[in-house]
C-alpha cells in the first residue's frame, strides 16, 4: 500500500514529473556522448537540487542515471562507440544491425530491453531486497570466488566465437584491473612507479581508446579506400572515352 501511495504522490505533482522528463532527456544526451557518463552528469547537476524539493531532486538525479545507461546504447548502435561502459556489449549486435540497414530495429530493441530490464530489476529490488540481504550476509570468500569464476566463464563464452579467446581476453581485462593500490594492503601493483596509476586505470578512457579511436581509424581507412576506388573508376572512364571511336 505504501508503494502505491508513493506512485500517487509522484504522479500528482507536476513539478516532479517535469524534472523526471528533463532528467530523462539529459540522461539520454549525456549517455550518448562517448566520454561523458551519467555519474559525471549527476555530480555536475547536484548543486541544482539544493533549490528544489527533495522528492523532485531525488527523482531528477535517479532518472538521469537510468536514462544515461540507455543513452550509451545509441552511439554504440549507430557509431560502434559505446557511450557508457554498460553499452559495451551492445556494440556486438547493435552496430552490425546498423550496417545492414536495421538501425531503427536495433534502437527499438535496445529501448525495449532497457525498459523491461529496469522495470524487472526495480520490482525485484523492492520486493526481494530484504530476502536477498539475509543470504548475502552469509556469503564468504569461497562463495564470492565461485561467483567471479562463473562470471568470467560466462563473459568469456559470450564475447567471442572461441571460448578460449574469450577467457584469455577476460583474464587480460582482470590483469588491467589489478593496476593500482591493493584494496586490502594498499600496496601498489603494476604502477610502474607512477603516482597517477595509484587509482588504477579509468574505464572510460580505456573504452574510448579501445572503441572510439579504432572506429575513427576504421572509418578513415574505409573513406580512403572508397576515394581510391572512385579515382580508379574515373580514370577508367576517361581511358574508355579516349579509346572509343569518334
C-alpha atoms as a PDB file:
ATOM      1  CA  UNK A   1       0.000   0.000   0.000  1.00  0.00           C
ATOM      2  CA  UNK A   2       2.843   2.392   0.782  1.00  0.00           C
ATOM      3  CA  UNK A   3       4.319   1.746  -2.670  1.00  0.00           C
ATOM      4  CA  UNK A   4       1.021   2.692  -4.335  1.00  0.00           C
ATOM      5  CA  UNK A   5       0.802   5.858  -2.231  1.00  0.00           C
ATOM      6  CA  UNK A   6       4.330   6.744  -3.306  1.00  0.00           C
ATOM      7  CA  UNK A   7       3.429   6.466  -7.004  1.00  0.00           C
ATOM      8  CA  UNK A   8       0.301   8.541  -6.430  1.00  0.00           C
ATOM      9  CA  UNK A   9       2.400  11.222  -4.746  1.00  0.00           C
ATOM     10  CA  UNK A  10       4.850  11.369  -7.651  1.00  0.00           C
ATOM     11  CA  UNK A  11       2.249  11.439 -10.429  1.00  0.00           C
ATOM     12  CA  UNK A  12       0.139  14.032  -8.647  1.00  0.00           C
ATOM     13  CA  UNK A  13       2.945  16.625  -8.587  1.00  0.00           C
ATOM     14  CA  UNK A  14       3.509  18.342 -11.980  1.00  0.00           C
ATOM     15  CA  UNK A  15       6.858  19.801 -10.902  1.00  0.00           C
ATOM     16  CA  UNK A  16       8.229  16.368 -10.056  1.00  0.00           C
ATOM     17  CA  UNK A  17       7.021  14.977 -13.392  1.00  0.00           C
ATOM     18  CA  UNK A  18       8.679  17.895 -15.186  1.00  0.00           C
ATOM     19  CA  UNK A  19      12.016  17.143 -13.520  1.00  0.00           C
ATOM     20  CA  UNK A  20      11.628  13.464 -14.402  1.00  0.00           C
ATOM     21  CA  UNK A  21      11.155  14.327 -18.085  1.00  0.00           C
ATOM     22  CA  UNK A  22      14.115  16.729 -18.019  1.00  0.00           C
ATOM     23  CA  UNK A  23      16.255  14.135 -16.282  1.00  0.00           C
ATOM     24  CA  UNK A  24      15.371  11.507 -18.887  1.00  0.00           C
ATOM     25  CA  UNK A  25      16.294  13.877 -21.729  1.00  0.00           C
ATOM     26  CA  UNK A  26      19.585  14.958 -20.159  1.00  0.00           C
ATOM     27  CA  UNK A  27      20.495  11.384 -19.268  1.00  0.00           C
ATOM     28  CA  UNK A  28      19.991  10.121 -22.816  1.00  0.00           C
ATOM     29  CA  UNK A  29      22.004  13.008 -24.288  1.00  0.00           C
ATOM     30  CA  UNK A  30      24.874  12.604 -21.832  1.00  0.00           C
ATOM     31  CA  UNK A  31      24.912   8.830 -22.175  1.00  0.00           C
ATOM     32  CA  UNK A  32      25.018   9.024 -25.972  1.00  0.00           C
ATOM     33  CA  UNK A  33      28.221  11.110 -25.907  1.00  0.00           C
ATOM     34  CA  UNK A  34      31.319   8.904 -25.506  1.00  0.00           C
ATOM     35  CA  UNK A  35      33.437  10.029 -22.585  1.00  0.00           C
ATOM     36  CA  UNK A  36      30.559  11.553 -20.646  1.00  0.00           C
ATOM     37  CA  UNK A  37      28.950   9.357 -18.022  1.00  0.00           C
ATOM     38  CA  UNK A  38      25.746   9.523 -16.040  1.00  0.00           C
ATOM     39  CA  UNK A  39      27.807   9.728 -12.852  1.00  0.00           C
ATOM     40  CA  UNK A  40      29.566  12.845 -14.119  1.00  0.00           C
ATOM     41  CA  UNK A  41      26.248  14.419 -15.112  1.00  0.00           C
ATOM     42  CA  UNK A  42      24.797  13.689 -11.681  1.00  0.00           C
ATOM     43  CA  UNK A  43      27.863  15.201  -9.994  1.00  0.00           C
ATOM     44  CA  UNK A  44      27.578  18.378 -12.077  1.00  0.00           C
ATOM     45  CA  UNK A  45      23.831  18.766 -11.522  1.00  0.00           C
ATOM     46  CA  UNK A  46      23.797  18.107  -7.779  1.00  0.00           C
ATOM     47  CA  UNK A  47      24.001  21.881  -6.964  1.00  0.00           C
ATOM     48  CA  UNK A  48      20.704  22.401  -8.805  1.00  0.00           C
ATOM     49  CA  UNK A  49      18.951  20.090  -6.366  1.00  0.00           C
ATOM     50  CA  UNK A  50      19.688  22.486  -3.491  1.00  0.00           C
ATOM     51  CA  UNK A  51      16.951  24.788  -4.777  1.00  0.00           C
ATOM     52  CA  UNK A  52      14.157  22.261  -5.376  1.00  0.00           C
ATOM     53  CA  UNK A  53      12.149  19.994  -3.103  1.00  0.00           C
ATOM     54  CA  UNK A  54      13.740  16.678  -2.008  1.00  0.00           C
ATOM     55  CA  UNK A  55      11.335  14.428  -3.943  1.00  0.00           C
ATOM     56  CA  UNK A  56      11.929  16.219  -7.250  1.00  0.00           C
ATOM     57  CA  UNK A  57      15.681  16.286  -6.613  1.00  0.00           C
ATOM     58  CA  UNK A  58      15.899  12.552  -5.950  1.00  0.00           C
ATOM     59  CA  UNK A  59      13.710  11.711  -8.930  1.00  0.00           C
ATOM     60  CA  UNK A  60      15.720  14.052 -11.179  1.00  0.00           C
ATOM     61  CA  UNK A  61      19.092  12.520 -10.298  1.00  0.00           C
ATOM     62  CA  UNK A  62      17.767   8.961 -10.307  1.00  0.00           C
ATOM     63  CA  UNK A  63      16.259   9.293 -13.787  1.00  0.00           C
ATOM     64  CA  UNK A  64      19.489  10.808 -15.133  1.00  0.00           C
ATOM     65  CA  UNK A  65      21.371   7.698 -14.025  1.00  0.00           C
ATOM     66  CA  UNK A  66      18.823   5.354 -15.563  1.00  0.00           C
ATOM     67  CA  UNK A  67      18.473   7.251 -18.847  1.00  0.00           C
ATOM     68  CA  UNK A  68      22.234   7.680 -19.145  1.00  0.00           C
ATOM     69  CA  UNK A  69      22.772   3.930 -19.201  1.00  0.00           C
ATOM     70  CA  UNK A  70      20.283   3.605 -22.049  1.00  0.00           C
ATOM     71  CA  UNK A  71      21.732   6.592 -23.916  1.00  0.00           C
ATOM     72  CA  UNK A  72      25.071   4.815 -24.196  1.00  0.00           C
ATOM     73  CA  UNK A  73      23.479   2.234 -26.481  1.00  0.00           C
ATOM     74  CA  UNK A  74      22.587   4.897 -29.073  1.00  0.00           C
ATOM     75  CA  UNK A  75      26.186   5.686 -30.012  1.00  0.00           C
ATOM     76  CA  UNK A  76      27.080   2.005 -29.610  1.00  0.00           C
ATOM     77  CA  UNK A  77      24.485   1.026 -32.209  1.00  0.00           C
ATOM     78  CA  UNK A  78      24.950   3.897 -34.651  1.00  0.00           C
ATOM     79  CA  UNK A  79      28.699   4.547 -34.458  1.00  0.00           C
ATOM     80  CA  UNK A  80      30.172   1.367 -32.949  1.00  0.00           C
ATOM     81  CA  UNK A  81      31.227   3.503 -29.980  1.00  0.00           C
ATOM     82  CA  UNK A  82      29.637   2.795 -26.583  1.00  0.00           C
ATOM     83  CA  UNK A  83      28.659   5.962 -24.782  1.00  0.00           C
ATOM     84  CA  UNK A  84      28.807   4.247 -21.401  1.00  0.00           C
ATOM     85  CA  UNK A  85      30.541   1.205 -20.009  1.00  0.00           C
ATOM     86  CA  UNK A  86      27.239  -0.643 -19.756  1.00  0.00           C
ATOM     87  CA  UNK A  87      26.747  -0.321 -23.534  1.00  0.00           C
ATOM     88  CA  UNK A  88      29.978  -2.126 -24.436  1.00  0.00           C
ATOM     89  CA  UNK A  89      28.086  -5.369 -25.043  1.00  0.00           C
ATOM     90  CA  UNK A  90      25.554  -3.563 -27.254  1.00  0.00           C
ATOM     91  CA  UNK A  91      28.304  -3.000 -29.829  1.00  0.00           C
ATOM     92  CA  UNK A  92      28.496  -6.719 -30.586  1.00  0.00           C
ATOM     93  CA  UNK A  93      24.998  -6.952 -32.080  1.00  0.00           C
ATOM     94  CA  UNK A  94      23.830  -3.356 -32.408  1.00  0.00           C
ATOM     95  CA  UNK A  95      26.322  -1.948 -34.904  1.00  0.00           C
ATOM     96  CA  UNK A  96      26.207  -4.976 -37.262  1.00  0.00           C
ATOM     97  CA  UNK A  97      22.444  -4.405 -37.500  1.00  0.00           C
ATOM     98  CA  UNK A  98      23.105  -0.749 -38.364  1.00  0.00           C
ATOM     99  CA  UNK A  99      25.428  -1.781 -41.186  1.00  0.00           C
ATOM    100  CA  UNK A 100      22.625  -3.974 -42.510  1.00  0.00           C
ATOM    101  CA  UNK A 101      20.223  -1.024 -42.517  1.00  0.00           C
ATOM    102  CA  UNK A 102      18.392  -2.105 -39.364  1.00  0.00           C
ATOM    103  CA  UNK A 103      19.405   0.763 -37.083  1.00  0.00           C
ATOM    104  CA  UNK A 104      15.796   1.573 -36.182  1.00  0.00           C
ATOM    105  CA  UNK A 105      15.102  -2.019 -35.202  1.00  0.00           C
ATOM    106  CA  UNK A 106      18.265  -2.127 -33.084  1.00  0.00           C
ATOM    107  CA  UNK A 107      17.339   1.101 -31.263  1.00  0.00           C
ATOM    108  CA  UNK A 108      13.803  -0.124 -30.625  1.00  0.00           C
ATOM    109  CA  UNK A 109      15.138  -3.420 -29.288  1.00  0.00           C
ATOM    110  CA  UNK A 110      17.620  -1.609 -27.024  1.00  0.00           C
ATOM    111  CA  UNK A 111      14.954   0.736 -25.636  1.00  0.00           C
ATOM    112  CA  UNK A 112      12.502  -2.131 -25.062  1.00  0.00           C
ATOM    113  CA  UNK A 113      15.153  -4.302 -23.403  1.00  0.00           C
ATOM    114  CA  UNK A 114      16.257  -1.388 -21.220  1.00  0.00           C
ATOM    115  CA  UNK A 115      12.694  -0.650 -20.121  1.00  0.00           C
ATOM    116  CA  UNK A 116      11.882  -4.291 -19.358  1.00  0.00           C
ATOM    117  CA  UNK A 117      15.197  -4.853 -17.579  1.00  0.00           C
ATOM    118  CA  UNK A 118      14.884  -1.730 -15.435  1.00  0.00           C
ATOM    119  CA  UNK A 119      11.258  -2.473 -14.548  1.00  0.00           C
ATOM    120  CA  UNK A 120      12.042  -6.077 -13.630  1.00  0.00           C
ATOM    121  CA  UNK A 121      15.088  -5.059 -11.606  1.00  0.00           C
ATOM    122  CA  UNK A 122      13.160  -2.422  -9.685  1.00  0.00           C
ATOM    123  CA  UNK A 123      10.368  -4.851  -8.834  1.00  0.00           C
ATOM    124  CA  UNK A 124      12.864  -7.464  -7.638  1.00  0.00           C
ATOM    125  CA  UNK A 125      14.715  -4.839  -5.604  1.00  0.00           C
ATOM    126  CA  UNK A 126      11.560  -3.518  -3.968  1.00  0.00           C
ATOM    127  CA  UNK A 127      10.018  -6.919  -3.241  1.00  0.00           C
ATOM    128  CA  UNK A 128      13.102  -9.037  -2.623  1.00  0.00           C
ATOM    129  CA  UNK A 129      15.801  -6.767  -1.193  1.00  0.00           C
ATOM    130  CA  UNK A 130      15.259  -7.926   2.371  1.00  0.00           C
ATOM    131  CA  UNK A 131      15.072 -11.585   1.364  1.00  0.00           C
ATOM    132  CA  UNK A 132      18.258 -11.351  -0.718  1.00  0.00           C
ATOM    133  CA  UNK A 133      20.116  -9.462   2.021  1.00  0.00           C
ATOM    134  CA  UNK A 134      19.561 -12.280   4.517  1.00  0.00           C
ATOM    135  CA  UNK A 135      21.506 -14.651   2.240  1.00  0.00           C
ATOM    136  CA  UNK A 136      24.198 -12.267   1.008  1.00  0.00           C
ATOM    137  CA  UNK A 137      25.275 -11.635   4.605  1.00  0.00           C
ATOM    138  CA  UNK A 138      26.202 -15.324   4.840  1.00  0.00           C
ATOM    139  CA  UNK A 139      28.462 -15.257   1.769  1.00  0.00           C
ATOM    140  CA  UNK A 140      32.187 -15.574   2.399  1.00  0.00           C
ATOM    141  CA  UNK A 141      35.360 -15.578   0.277  1.00  0.00           C
ATOM    142  CA  UNK A 142      34.717 -19.069  -1.241  1.00  0.00           C
ATOM    143  CA  UNK A 143      31.244 -18.055  -2.433  1.00  0.00           C
ATOM    144  CA  UNK A 144      32.485 -14.759  -3.887  1.00  0.00           C
ATOM    145  CA  UNK A 145      35.311 -16.578  -5.651  1.00  0.00           C
ATOM    146  CA  UNK A 146      32.834 -19.050  -7.189  1.00  0.00           C
ATOM    147  CA  UNK A 147      30.620 -16.169  -8.345  1.00  0.00           C
ATOM    148  CA  UNK A 148      33.557 -14.432 -10.016  1.00  0.00           C
ATOM    149  CA  UNK A 149      34.676 -17.640 -11.728  1.00  0.00           C
ATOM    150  CA  UNK A 150      31.186 -18.219 -13.105  1.00  0.00           C
ATOM    151  CA  UNK A 151      31.001 -14.590 -14.271  1.00  0.00           C
ATOM    152  CA  UNK A 152      34.358 -14.871 -16.063  1.00  0.00           C
ATOM    153  CA  UNK A 153      33.296 -18.096 -17.775  1.00  0.00           C
ATOM    154  CA  UNK A 154      30.041 -16.558 -18.947  1.00  0.00           C
ATOM    155  CA  UNK A 155      31.781 -13.424 -20.238  1.00  0.00           C
ATOM    156  CA  UNK A 156      34.457 -15.485 -21.974  1.00  0.00           C
ATOM    157  CA  UNK A 157      31.868 -17.607 -23.769  1.00  0.00           C
ATOM    158  CA  UNK A 158      29.856 -14.600 -24.946  1.00  0.00           C
ATOM    159  CA  UNK A 159      32.396 -12.066 -26.199  1.00  0.00           C
ATOM    160  CA  UNK A 160      33.997 -14.327 -28.815  1.00  0.00           C
ATOM    161  CA  UNK A 161      33.177 -17.304 -31.020  1.00  0.00           C
ATOM    162  CA  UNK A 162      36.140 -19.062 -29.427  1.00  0.00           C
ATOM    163  CA  UNK A 163      35.705 -19.729 -25.710  1.00  0.00           C
ATOM    164  CA  UNK A 164      39.484 -19.884 -25.237  1.00  0.00           C
ATOM    165  CA  UNK A 165      39.994 -16.448 -26.798  1.00  0.00           C
ATOM    166  CA  UNK A 166      37.157 -15.058 -24.712  1.00  0.00           C
ATOM    167  CA  UNK A 167      38.624 -16.407 -21.479  1.00  0.00           C
ATOM    168  CA  UNK A 168      42.098 -15.074 -22.407  1.00  0.00           C
ATOM    169  CA  UNK A 169      40.684 -11.609 -23.095  1.00  0.00           C
ATOM    170  CA  UNK A 170      38.756 -11.764 -19.820  1.00  0.00           C
ATOM    171  CA  UNK A 171      41.925 -12.624 -17.913  1.00  0.00           C
ATOM    172  CA  UNK A 172      43.754  -9.743 -19.634  1.00  0.00           C
ATOM    173  CA  UNK A 173      40.955  -7.429 -18.537  1.00  0.00           C
ATOM    174  CA  UNK A 174      41.343  -8.717 -14.985  1.00  0.00           C
ATOM    175  CA  UNK A 175      45.080  -8.085 -15.207  1.00  0.00           C
ATOM    176  CA  UNK A 176      44.470  -4.476 -16.236  1.00  0.00           C
ATOM    177  CA  UNK A 177      42.010  -4.100 -13.347  1.00  0.00           C
ATOM    178  CA  UNK A 178      44.788  -5.048 -10.911  1.00  0.00           C
ATOM    179  CA  UNK A 179      46.696  -1.854 -11.678  1.00  0.00           C
ATOM    180  CA  UNK A 180      46.672   0.464  -8.664  1.00  0.00           C
ATOM    181  CA  UNK A 181      46.634   0.106  -4.894  1.00  0.00           C
ATOM    182  CA  UNK A 182      45.611  -3.175  -3.341  1.00  0.00           C
ATOM    183  CA  UNK A 183      42.225  -2.644  -1.640  1.00  0.00           C
ATOM    184  CA  UNK A 184      43.310  -4.607   1.467  1.00  0.00           C
ATOM    185  CA  UNK A 185      47.031  -3.946   1.969  1.00  0.00           C
ATOM    186  CA  UNK A 186      47.264  -0.647  -0.011  1.00  0.00           C
ATOM    187  CA  UNK A 187      50.393  -1.953  -1.725  1.00  0.00           C
ATOM    188  CA  UNK A 188      50.974  -0.546  -5.257  1.00  0.00           C
ATOM    189  CA  UNK A 189      50.518  -3.063  -8.068  1.00  0.00           C
ATOM    190  CA  UNK A 190      51.800  -2.619 -11.636  1.00  0.00           C
ATOM    191  CA  UNK A 191      52.030   1.152 -11.142  1.00  0.00           C
ATOM    192  CA  UNK A 192      55.414   1.464 -12.967  1.00  0.00           C
ATOM    193  CA  UNK A 193      56.447   3.962 -10.299  1.00  0.00           C
ATOM    194  CA  UNK A 194      53.763   6.444 -11.412  1.00  0.00           C
ATOM    195  CA  UNK A 195      51.589   8.068  -8.764  1.00  0.00           C
ATOM    196  CA  UNK A 196      48.904   8.670 -11.407  1.00  0.00           C
ATOM    197  CA  UNK A 197      48.280   4.905 -11.578  1.00  0.00           C
ATOM    198  CA  UNK A 198      47.612   4.512  -7.852  1.00  0.00           C
ATOM    199  CA  UNK A 199      43.887   4.830  -8.512  1.00  0.00           C
ATOM    200  CA  UNK A 200      44.041   2.282 -11.318  1.00  0.00           C
ATOM    201  CA  UNK A 201      43.161   2.608 -14.982  1.00  0.00           C
ATOM    202  CA  UNK A 202      39.996   4.588 -15.593  1.00  0.00           C
ATOM    203  CA  UNK A 203      37.428   2.566 -17.510  1.00  0.00           C
ATOM    204  CA  UNK A 204      36.103   5.406 -19.656  1.00  0.00           C
ATOM    205  CA  UNK A 205      39.479   6.315 -21.280  1.00  0.00           C
ATOM    206  CA  UNK A 206      40.110   2.608 -21.853  1.00  0.00           C
ATOM    207  CA  UNK A 207      36.805   2.229 -23.657  1.00  0.00           C
ATOM    208  CA  UNK A 208      37.401   5.379 -25.685  1.00  0.00           C
ATOM    209  CA  UNK A 209      40.812   4.115 -26.766  1.00  0.00           C
ATOM    210  CA  UNK A 210      39.506   0.629 -27.488  1.00  0.00           C
ATOM    211  CA  UNK A 211      36.344   1.502 -29.388  1.00  0.00           C
ATOM    212  CA  UNK A 212      36.365   5.179 -30.380  1.00  0.00           C
ATOM    213  CA  UNK A 213      39.928   5.553 -31.675  1.00  0.00           C
ATOM    214  CA  UNK A 214      39.809   2.219 -33.503  1.00  0.00           C
ATOM    215  CA  UNK A 215      36.476   3.137 -35.078  1.00  0.00           C
ATOM    216  CA  UNK A 216      37.852   6.502 -36.217  1.00  0.00           C
ATOM    217  CA  UNK A 217      40.794   4.772 -37.911  1.00  0.00           C
ATOM    218  CA  UNK A 218      38.468   2.177 -39.465  1.00  0.00           C
ATOM    219  CA  UNK A 219      36.131   4.823 -40.866  1.00  0.00           C
ATOM    220  CA  UNK A 220      39.076   6.878 -42.141  1.00  0.00           C
ATOM    221  CA  UNK A 221      40.604   3.852 -43.880  1.00  0.00           C
ATOM    222  CA  UNK A 222      37.241   2.972 -45.375  1.00  0.00           C
ATOM    223  CA  UNK A 223      36.863   6.513 -46.689  1.00  0.00           C
ATOM    224  CA  UNK A 224      40.352   6.444 -48.221  1.00  0.00           C
ATOM    225  CA  UNK A 225      39.640   3.104 -49.894  1.00  0.00           C
ATOM    226  CA  UNK A 226      36.367   4.411 -51.263  1.00  0.00           C
ATOM    227  CA  UNK A 227      38.084   7.527 -52.589  1.00  0.00           C
ATOM    228  CA  UNK A 228      40.804   5.401 -54.170  1.00  0.00           C
ATOM    229  CA  UNK A 229      38.223   3.205 -55.880  1.00  0.00           C
ATOM    230  CA  UNK A 230      36.341   6.268 -57.132  1.00  0.00           C
ATOM    231  CA  UNK A 231      39.562   7.689 -58.567  1.00  0.00           C
ATOM    232  CA  UNK A 232      40.326   4.443 -60.391  1.00  0.00           C
ATOM    233  CA  UNK A 233      36.802   4.312 -61.790  1.00  0.00           C
ATOM    234  CA  UNK A 234      37.087   7.914 -63.018  1.00  0.00           C
ATOM    235  CA  UNK A 235      40.411   7.152 -64.735  1.00  0.00           C
ATOM    236  CA  UNK A 236      38.921   4.059 -66.373  1.00  0.00           C
ATOM    237  CA  UNK A 237      36.032   6.116 -67.716  1.00  0.00           C
ATOM    238  CA  UNK A 238      38.460   8.664 -69.187  1.00  0.00           C
ATOM    239  CA  UNK A 239      40.569   5.952 -70.805  1.00  0.00           C
ATOM    240  CA  UNK A 240      37.444   4.370 -72.268  1.00  0.00           C
ATOM    241  CA  UNK A 241      36.251   7.695 -73.648  1.00  0.00           C
ATOM    242  CA  UNK A 242      39.666   8.307 -75.236  1.00  0.00           C
ATOM    243  CA  UNK A 243      39.766   4.918 -76.885  1.00  0.00           C
ATOM    244  CA  UNK A 244      36.192   4.989 -78.134  1.00  0.00           C
ATOM    245  CA  UNK A 245      35.874   5.824 -81.893  1.00  0.00           C
ATOM    246  CA  UNK A 246      34.646   9.282 -82.762  1.00  0.00           C
END
